[in-house]
C-alpha atoms as a PDB file:
ATOM      1  CA  MET A   1       0.044  -0.078   0.057  1.00  0.00           C
ATOM      2  CA  LYS A   2       2.758   2.393   0.866  1.00  0.00           C
ATOM      3  CA  GLN A   3       4.452   1.715  -2.487  1.00  0.00           C
ATOM      4  CA  ILE A   4       1.387   2.715  -4.534  1.00  0.00           C
ATOM      5  CA  MET A   5       0.848   5.870  -2.446  1.00  0.00           C
ATOM      6  CA  ARG A   6       4.394   6.973  -3.351  1.00  0.00           C
ATOM      7  CA  ASP A   7       3.560   6.730  -7.083  1.00  0.00           C
ATOM      8  CA  VAL A   8       0.960   9.574  -7.643  1.00  0.00           C
ATOM      9  CA  GLU A   9       0.272   8.599 -11.233  1.00  0.00           C
ATOM     10  CA  LYS A  10      -0.375   4.971 -10.294  1.00  0.00           C
ATOM     11  CA  LEU A  11      -2.516   6.019  -7.465  1.00  0.00           C
ATOM     12  CA  ALA A  12      -4.583   8.439  -9.596  1.00  0.00           C
ATOM     13  CA  SER A  13      -4.971   5.735 -12.214  1.00  0.00           C
ATOM     14  CA  ARG A  14      -6.214   3.161  -9.707  1.00  0.00           C
ATOM     15  CA  MET A  15      -8.616   5.689  -8.128  1.00  0.00           C
ATOM     16  CA  GLY A  16     -10.070   6.385 -11.544  1.00  0.00           C
ATOM     17  CA  ALA A  17     -10.615   2.733 -12.287  1.00  0.00           C
ATOM     18  CA  ASP A  18     -12.157   2.152  -8.798  1.00  0.00           C
ATOM     19  CA  ARG A  19     -14.444   5.173  -9.363  1.00  0.00           C
ATOM     20  CA  ALA A  20     -15.552   3.736 -12.748  1.00  0.00           C
ATOM     21  CA  VAL A  21     -16.480   0.336 -11.257  1.00  0.00           C
ATOM     22  CA  PHE A  22     -18.251   1.936  -8.318  1.00  0.00           C
ATOM     23  CA  THR A  23     -20.221   4.231 -10.516  1.00  0.00           C
ATOM     24  CA  LYS A  24     -21.250   1.286 -12.706  1.00  0.00           C
ATOM     25  CA  ARG A  25     -22.336  -0.659  -9.622  1.00  0.00           C
ATOM     26  CA  LEU A  26     -24.403   2.293  -8.362  1.00  0.00           C
ATOM     27  CA  GLN A  27     -26.296   2.312 -11.557  1.00  0.00           C
ATOM     28  CA  SER A  28     -27.147  -1.445 -11.490  1.00  0.00           C
ATOM     29  CA  ASP A  29     -30.661  -2.871 -10.895  1.00  0.00           C
ATOM     30  CA  GLY A  30     -29.452  -4.282  -7.561  1.00  0.00           C
ATOM     31  CA  ALA A  31     -28.396  -0.937  -6.282  1.00  0.00           C
ATOM     32  CA  ARG A  32     -31.636   0.586  -7.574  1.00  0.00           C
ATOM     33  CA  GLU A  33     -33.571  -1.973  -5.784  1.00  0.00           C
ATOM     34  CA  ALA A  34     -31.550  -1.460  -2.562  1.00  0.00           C
ATOM     35  CA  PHE A  35     -31.993   2.299  -2.467  1.00  0.00           C
ATOM     36  CA  THR A  36     -35.632   2.080  -3.338  1.00  0.00           C
ATOM     37  CA  ALA A  37     -36.235  -0.380  -0.491  1.00  0.00           C
ATOM     38  CA  LEU A  38     -34.227   1.782   1.850  1.00  0.00           C
ATOM     39  CA  SER A  39     -36.357   4.871   1.093  1.00  0.00           C
ATOM     40  CA  GLU A  40     -39.551   2.777   1.304  1.00  0.00           C
ATOM     41  CA  THR A  41     -38.396   1.309   4.622  1.00  0.00           C
ATOM     42  CA  ARG A  42     -38.892  -2.200   3.413  1.00  0.00           C
ATOM     43  CA  ARG A  43     -36.524  -5.152   2.881  1.00  0.00           C
ATOM     44  CA  PRO A  44     -35.085  -5.249  -0.636  1.00  0.00           C
ATOM     45  CA  ASP A  45     -36.306  -8.044  -3.015  1.00  0.00           C
ATOM     46  CA  PHE A  46     -33.430  -9.170  -5.200  1.00  0.00           C
ATOM     47  CA  THR A  47     -35.136 -12.255  -6.626  1.00  0.00           C
ATOM     48  CA  ARG A  48     -35.879 -10.411  -9.842  1.00  0.00           C
ATOM     49  CA  ILE A  49     -32.416  -9.067 -10.327  1.00  0.00           C
ATOM     50  CA  ASN A  50     -30.384 -10.655 -13.017  1.00  0.00           C
ATOM     51  CA  GLY A  51     -26.535 -10.388 -12.554  1.00  0.00           C
ATOM     52  CA  PRO A  52     -24.455  -7.764 -10.855  1.00  0.00           C
END
């Protein structure tokens, strides 16, 4: 971990890649169901969700 933090370009690249994956996951059907269930104060139902 310390080694990657010393290499600013490598760290920035990794953070960008992580951000892209995180953004994609937030836009998934599973995330949508989770956030909707949270706002409706109910348990999420992931049985209709296909894939990540």
